[in-house]
Amino acid sequence: MIKKITPQNGLKVLKSSFKNLSQNDALRIAASTAFFGTFAIPAILVVILQIFGIFLNRRKFGSNIIEKLTQIIGENSAIEIKHILINLMKVGENWFFTLVMLVFLIFVSTTLFVIIRNSINQLWSLRINKHLGIGFNLNQRLKSLAIISSGGFLLIMAFIIEGIRLFLEKQFKGEITFLSDFLNEAIFLIITTIWLCIGFRFIANGQPKWKPVIISAFFTGILLTFGKLIMRYFLLNSNINEIYGTSGAILLVMLFIFYSSFIFYFGACLVKAICDELEIPIQPSENAHKFRTEKIEEERPLI
């Protein structure tokens, strides 16, 4: 008989997810992701702009991204990221320095995904085999770059959908304005859920089935959507900028990434819990293996 997630075993799955997260030092892995993510996000955005700027108006695409960031993390934090982006884009007076800078930014941005991959592997009790060589590491970097590119593609889809929404509002002369906020959050939820599906399925060195991935991604997307609204309200109405000055904007970015990382890793634990409940355990990839942590009782000397 094929098992399903029901309200009865759903609570068990949530408890198992929280237990797994707490046993793997959730604060540490979320904090490390937030710390490095604060430096990696500008690099990721530059890489996305460089890739999709070949086909799109780079300036307009970048402005749309900053506008989205303003809606999520506030104007001051978005402006700081904008300044970093502008400075990074200006680096390199000729093609050689531009190429070197692009390679460096790709390295920085994909390193964030190495940290995320290792954290998910830990939550899923997976470990990469030793002595895999440069080829494996390069392949992992390319996979991370592909995931970054998919994020850029999803951003484009979000901008297109938002453009359609604005067009309809204009055509109906504001008659559907009351739905505007709801549609914005619905679009955010859809895009976030799709990206989470990609992340849970392809970042780590495990191969979960799509059903647990989709269920977890949707639930995690809901948590991120509501959490974004709550975090934005409290952070933007706080006096962090008054206390920390200009560095307060970057601190807000770090706090938001920390919260998002914590929820993301909870979603990863939820994938494992659902897989275990449905009796379709996560299988390691060909370059990884499962491991188990056991408590060893100390042997007392005989007297």
Protein backbone atom coordinates (compact mmCIF):
# COMPACT_ATOMS: atom_id res chain seq x y z
CA MET A 1 0.00 0.00 0.00
CA ILE A 2 1.35 3.41 -1.03
CA LYS A 3 1.69 5.74 1.93
CA LYS A 4 0.47 9.32 1.87
CA ILE A 5 1.06 12.39 3.98
CA THR A 6 -2.07 12.94 6.05
CA PRO A 7 -2.91 15.25 8.98
CA GLN A 8 -2.30 12.27 11.27
CA ASN A 9 1.28 11.58 10.18
CA GLY A 10 1.95 15.17 9.12
CA LEU A 11 2.57 16.18 12.73
CA LYS A 12 5.00 13.28 13.08
CA VAL A 13 6.85 14.47 9.97
CA LEU A 14 7.12 18.02 11.33
CA LYS A 15 8.42 16.77 14.69
CA SER A 16 10.99 14.61 12.93
CA SER A 17 12.10 17.60 10.84
CA PHE A 18 12.56 19.83 13.89
CA LYS A 19 14.45 17.07 15.71
CA ASN A 20 16.81 16.54 12.78
CA LEU A 21 17.43 20.27 12.47
CA SER A 22 18.13 20.73 16.19
CA GLN A 23 20.49 17.74 16.29
CA ASN A 24 22.60 19.22 13.48
CA ASP A 25 23.28 22.60 15.09
CA ALA A 26 20.83 24.63 13.00
CA LEU A 27 22.02 28.00 14.29
CA ARG A 28 25.59 27.30 13.21
CA ILE A 29 24.81 26.19 9.66
CA ALA A 30 22.29 29.01 9.15
CA ALA A 31 24.73 31.59 10.55
CA SER A 32 27.60 30.39 8.35
CA THR A 33 25.33 30.52 5.30
CA ALA A 34 24.17 34.03 6.22
CA PHE A 35 27.73 35.27 6.77
CA PHE A 36 29.06 34.01 3.45
CA GLY A 37 25.78 34.72 1.65
CA THR A 38 26.08 38.42 2.50
CA PHE A 39 29.30 38.54 0.46
CA ALA A 40 28.15 36.11 -2.21
CA ILE A 41 24.79 37.67 -3.13
CA PRO A 42 26.32 40.66 -5.00
CA ALA A 43 28.59 38.22 -6.85
CA ILE A 44 25.59 36.03 -7.74
CA LEU A 45 23.68 39.05 -9.03
CA VAL A 46 26.65 40.16 -11.15
CA VAL A 47 26.94 36.67 -12.66
CA ILE A 48 23.20 36.66 -13.44
CA LEU A 49 23.47 40.12 -15.03
CA GLN A 50 26.46 39.06 -17.11
CA ILE A 51 24.76 35.88 -18.34
CA PHE A 52 21.32 37.30 -19.10
CA GLY A 53 22.65 40.73 -20.07
CA ILE A 54 23.67 39.12 -23.36
CA PHE A 55 20.00 38.77 -24.30
CA LEU A 56 18.35 41.51 -22.22
CA ASN A 57 18.82 45.17 -21.42
CA ARG A 58 21.32 44.80 -18.58
CA ARG A 59 20.56 48.17 -16.99
CA LYS A 60 16.78 47.62 -16.98
CA PHE A 61 17.16 44.03 -15.76
CA GLY A 62 19.41 45.20 -12.93
CA SER A 63 16.96 47.95 -11.98
CA ASN A 64 14.14 45.40 -11.79
CA ILE A 65 16.23 43.20 -9.50
CA ILE A 66 17.01 46.11 -7.17
CA GLU A 67 13.32 47.03 -7.14
CA LYS A 68 12.45 43.49 -6.08
CA LEU A 69 15.10 43.56 -3.37
CA THR A 70 13.66 46.85 -2.12
CA GLN A 71 10.29 45.16 -1.65
CA ILE A 72 11.89 42.34 0.33
CA ILE A 73 14.70 43.84 2.44
CA GLY A 74 13.94 47.56 2.35
CA GLU A 75 15.27 50.56 0.46
CA ASN A 76 18.46 51.19 2.46
CA SER A 77 19.68 47.59 2.21
CA ALA A 78 18.82 47.42 -1.50
CA ILE A 79 20.72 50.66 -2.13
CA GLU A 80 23.83 49.24 -0.43
CA ILE A 81 23.66 46.14 -2.63
CA LYS A 82 23.16 48.39 -5.67
CA HIS A 83 26.33 50.33 -4.81
CA ILE A 84 28.29 47.08 -4.46
CA LEU A 85 26.94 45.88 -7.82
CA ILE A 86 27.92 49.12 -9.54
CA ASN A 87 31.43 48.98 -8.09
CA LEU A 88 31.86 45.35 -9.13
CA MET A 89 30.61 46.06 -12.65
CA LYS A 90 33.12 48.93 -12.98
CA VAL A 91 36.10 46.75 -12.08
CA GLY A 92 38.26 45.90 -15.04
CA GLU A 93 39.33 48.45 -17.61
CA ASN A 94 39.92 45.87 -20.33
CA TRP A 95 38.67 42.46 -21.34
CA PHE A 96 41.42 40.59 -19.44
CA PHE A 97 40.62 42.12 -16.04
CA THR A 98 36.91 41.76 -16.75
CA LEU A 99 37.39 38.05 -17.46
CA VAL A 100 39.50 37.55 -14.33
CA MET A 101 36.88 39.36 -12.22
CA LEU A 102 34.07 37.27 -13.74
CA VAL A 103 35.92 34.03 -12.95
CA PHE A 104 36.51 35.25 -9.39
CA LEU A 105 32.83 36.18 -8.95
CA ILE A 106 31.74 32.79 -10.29
CA PHE A 107 34.07 31.15 -7.76
CA VAL A 108 32.64 33.23 -4.88
CA SER A 109 29.01 32.67 -5.89
CA THR A 110 29.40 28.92 -6.40
CA THR A 111 31.27 28.59 -3.08
CA LEU A 112 28.07 29.63 -1.32
CA PHE A 113 26.37 26.63 -2.92
CA VAL A 114 29.23 24.40 -1.76
CA ILE A 115 28.44 25.50 1.81
CA ILE A 116 24.73 24.88 1.27
CA ARG A 117 25.43 21.48 -0.32
CA ASN A 118 27.59 20.36 2.59
CA SER A 119 24.94 21.50 5.08
CA ILE A 120 22.15 19.60 3.30
CA ASN A 121 24.39 16.54 3.05
CA GLN A 122 24.85 16.72 6.82
CA LEU A 123 21.08 16.97 7.38
CA TRP A 124 20.49 14.02 5.04
CA SER A 125 23.31 11.92 6.60
CA LEU A 126 25.30 11.92 3.37
CA ARG A 127 29.02 12.33 2.87
CA ILE A 128 31.04 12.85 -0.29
CA ASN A 129 33.58 10.14 -1.11
CA LYS A 130 37.22 11.05 -0.62
CA HIS A 131 39.80 11.64 -3.36
CA LEU A 132 37.34 12.47 -6.14
CA GLY A 133 39.71 14.87 -7.84
CA ILE A 134 39.46 18.21 -9.60
CA GLY A 135 36.97 16.93 -12.18
CA PHE A 136 34.33 16.26 -9.54
CA ASN A 137 34.82 19.66 -7.89
CA LEU A 138 34.61 21.40 -11.26
CA ASN A 139 31.42 19.50 -12.06
CA GLN A 140 29.93 20.62 -8.73
CA ARG A 141 30.84 24.23 -9.52
CA LEU A 142 29.20 23.98 -12.95
CA LYS A 143 26.07 22.51 -11.37
CA SER A 144 25.98 25.42 -8.94
CA LEU A 145 26.36 27.85 -11.85
CA ALA A 146 23.44 26.14 -13.59
CA ILE A 147 21.31 26.58 -10.45
CA ILE A 148 22.28 30.27 -10.33
CA SER A 149 21.26 30.58 -13.99
CA SER A 150 17.93 28.94 -13.23
CA GLY A 151 17.43 31.57 -10.53
CA GLY A 152 18.02 34.27 -13.12
CA PHE A 153 15.52 32.65 -15.47
CA LEU A 154 12.92 32.54 -12.68
CA LEU A 155 13.55 36.23 -12.04
CA ILE A 156 12.78 36.94 -15.69
CA MET A 157 9.57 34.92 -15.42
CA ALA A 158 8.61 36.88 -12.31
CA PHE A 159 9.17 40.18 -14.12
CA ILE A 160 7.08 39.02 -17.09
CA ILE A 161 4.21 37.93 -14.83
CA GLU A 162 4.40 41.20 -12.93
CA GLY A 163 4.33 43.10 -16.22
CA ILE A 164 1.16 41.25 -17.21
CA ARG A 165 -0.37 42.07 -13.82
CA LEU A 166 0.42 45.77 -14.20
CA PHE A 167 -0.99 45.75 -17.74
CA LEU A 168 -4.26 44.21 -16.52
CA GLU A 169 -4.48 46.76 -13.71
CA LYS A 170 -4.10 49.53 -16.26
CA GLN A 171 -6.68 48.02 -18.60
CA PHE A 172 -9.24 47.61 -15.83
CA LYS A 173 -8.40 51.10 -14.52
CA GLY A 174 -7.59 50.00 -10.99
CA GLU A 175 -10.62 47.77 -10.53
CA ILE A 176 -8.38 44.86 -9.49
CA THR A 177 -5.98 46.97 -7.43
CA PHE A 178 -7.28 45.34 -4.25
CA LEU A 179 -5.84 42.07 -5.54
CA SER A 180 -2.43 43.59 -6.24
CA ASP A 181 -0.78 42.71 -2.91
CA PHE A 182 -2.24 39.20 -2.98
CA LEU A 183 -0.99 38.63 -6.54
CA ASN A 184 2.47 39.90 -5.59
CA GLU A 185 2.74 37.40 -2.75
CA ALA A 186 1.26 34.61 -4.90
CA ILE A 187 3.91 35.26 -7.57
CA PHE A 188 6.62 35.26 -4.88
CA LEU A 189 5.29 31.95 -3.51
CA ILE A 190 5.20 30.30 -6.95
CA ILE A 191 8.70 31.44 -7.93
CA THR A 192 10.11 30.52 -4.51
CA THR A 193 8.50 27.06 -4.61
CA ILE A 194 9.95 26.33 -8.05
CA TRP A 195 13.42 27.43 -6.98
CA LEU A 196 13.19 25.38 -3.77
CA CYS A 197 12.25 22.34 -5.85
CA ILE A 198 15.40 22.87 -7.90
CA GLY A 199 17.50 23.42 -4.78
CA PHE A 200 16.25 20.41 -2.81
CA ARG A 201 16.53 18.13 -5.84
CA PHE A 202 19.89 19.13 -7.29
CA ILE A 203 22.13 21.00 -4.81
CA ALA A 204 22.99 18.13 -2.46
CA ASN A 205 24.60 14.78 -3.25
CA GLY A 206 21.37 12.88 -2.67
CA GLN A 207 18.53 11.93 -4.98
CA PRO A 208 15.14 12.40 -3.28
CA LYS A 209 11.99 11.62 -5.22
CA TRP A 210 10.04 14.52 -6.68
CA LYS A 211 6.92 14.02 -4.53
CA PRO A 212 8.64 14.76 -1.17
CA VAL A 213 10.58 17.58 -2.82
CA ILE A 214 7.44 19.30 -4.16
CA ILE A 215 5.52 18.92 -0.88
CA SER A 216 8.42 20.30 1.15
CA ALA A 217 9.15 23.10 -1.33
CA PHE A 218 5.55 24.32 -1.25
CA PHE A 219 5.36 24.22 2.56
CA THR A 220 8.75 25.93 2.88
CA GLY A 221 7.70 28.52 0.30
CA ILE A 222 4.67 29.39 2.43
CA LEU A 223 6.90 29.81 5.50
CA LEU A 224 9.29 32.04 3.55
CA THR A 225 6.44 34.14 2.15
CA PHE A 226 4.88 34.81 5.55
CA GLY A 227 8.28 35.13 7.16
CA LYS A 228 9.32 37.70 4.58
CA LEU A 229 6.33 39.88 5.48
CA ILE A 230 6.95 39.55 9.23
CA MET A 231 10.71 40.10 8.97
CA ARG A 232 10.25 43.09 6.67
CA TYR A 233 7.79 44.70 9.10
CA PHE A 234 9.94 44.26 12.20
CA LEU A 235 13.28 45.01 10.56
CA LEU A 236 12.14 48.08 8.66
CA ASN A 237 10.40 49.47 11.75
CA SER A 238 13.37 48.85 14.01
CA ASN A 239 16.11 51.35 14.90
CA ILE A 240 18.99 49.19 13.63
CA ASN A 241 20.09 51.89 11.18
CA GLU A 242 20.18 54.45 13.99
CA ILE A 243 22.27 52.15 16.18
CA TYR A 244 24.71 50.79 13.58
CA GLY A 245 24.65 53.64 11.06
CA THR A 246 25.37 52.77 7.43
CA SER A 247 26.41 49.23 8.40
CA GLY A 248 22.86 48.66 9.64
CA ALA A 249 21.69 48.13 6.05
CA ILE A 250 24.14 45.26 5.56
CA LEU A 251 23.18 43.87 8.96
CA LEU A 252 19.54 43.78 7.82
CA VAL A 253 20.60 41.79 4.74
CA MET A 254 22.50 39.33 6.94
CA LEU A 255 19.54 38.92 9.30
CA PHE A 256 17.18 38.25 6.41
CA ILE A 257 19.56 35.69 4.87
CA PHE A 258 19.96 34.05 8.29
CA TYR A 259 16.19 33.65 8.66
CA SER A 260 15.79 32.42 5.07
CA SER A 261 18.65 29.94 5.55
CA PHE A 262 17.09 28.60 8.74
CA ILE A 263 13.76 28.01 6.97
CA PHE A 264 15.53 26.55 3.92
CA TYR A 265 17.37 23.98 6.05
CA PHE A 266 14.14 23.15 7.83
CA GLY A 267 12.70 22.46 4.38
CA ALA A 268 15.64 20.16 3.65
CA CYS A 269 14.92 18.28 6.90
CA LEU A 270 11.27 18.10 5.85
CA VAL A 271 12.27 16.43 2.58
CA LYS A 272 14.13 13.73 4.51
CA ALA A 273 11.28 13.26 7.01
CA ILE A 274 8.71 12.88 4.21
CA CYS A 275 10.97 10.44 2.36
CA ASP A 276 11.35 8.35 5.52
CA GLU A 277 7.61 8.44 6.24
CA LEU A 278 6.75 7.39 2.68
CA GLU A 279 9.46 4.70 2.85
CA ILE A 280 11.31 6.10 -0.17
CA PRO A 281 14.64 7.03 1.47
CA ILE A 282 17.02 9.50 -0.13
CA GLN A 283 19.63 7.63 -2.14
CA PRO A 284 23.19 9.01 -2.30
CA SER A 285 24.63 9.89 -5.68
CA GLU A 286 27.38 7.76 -7.17
CA ASN A 287 30.02 10.02 -5.59
CA ALA A 288 28.58 9.95 -2.07
CA HIS A 289 27.62 7.52 0.66
CA LYS A 290 25.40 7.42 3.73
CA PHE A 291 26.79 7.68 7.25
CA ARG A 292 25.40 7.22 10.72
CA THR A 293 26.31 8.89 14.00
CA GLU A 294 26.14 6.69 17.07
CA LYS A 295 26.73 7.33 20.72
CA ILE A 296 29.53 5.18 22.12
CA GLU A 297 29.16 4.16 25.74
CA GLU A 298 32.35 4.66 27.70
CA GLU A 299 33.78 1.42 29.00
CA ARG A 300 34.43 1.56 32.70
CA PRO A 301 37.48 -0.29 34.00
CA LEU A 302 36.77 -3.28 36.18
CA ILE A 303 37.85 -2.84 39.78
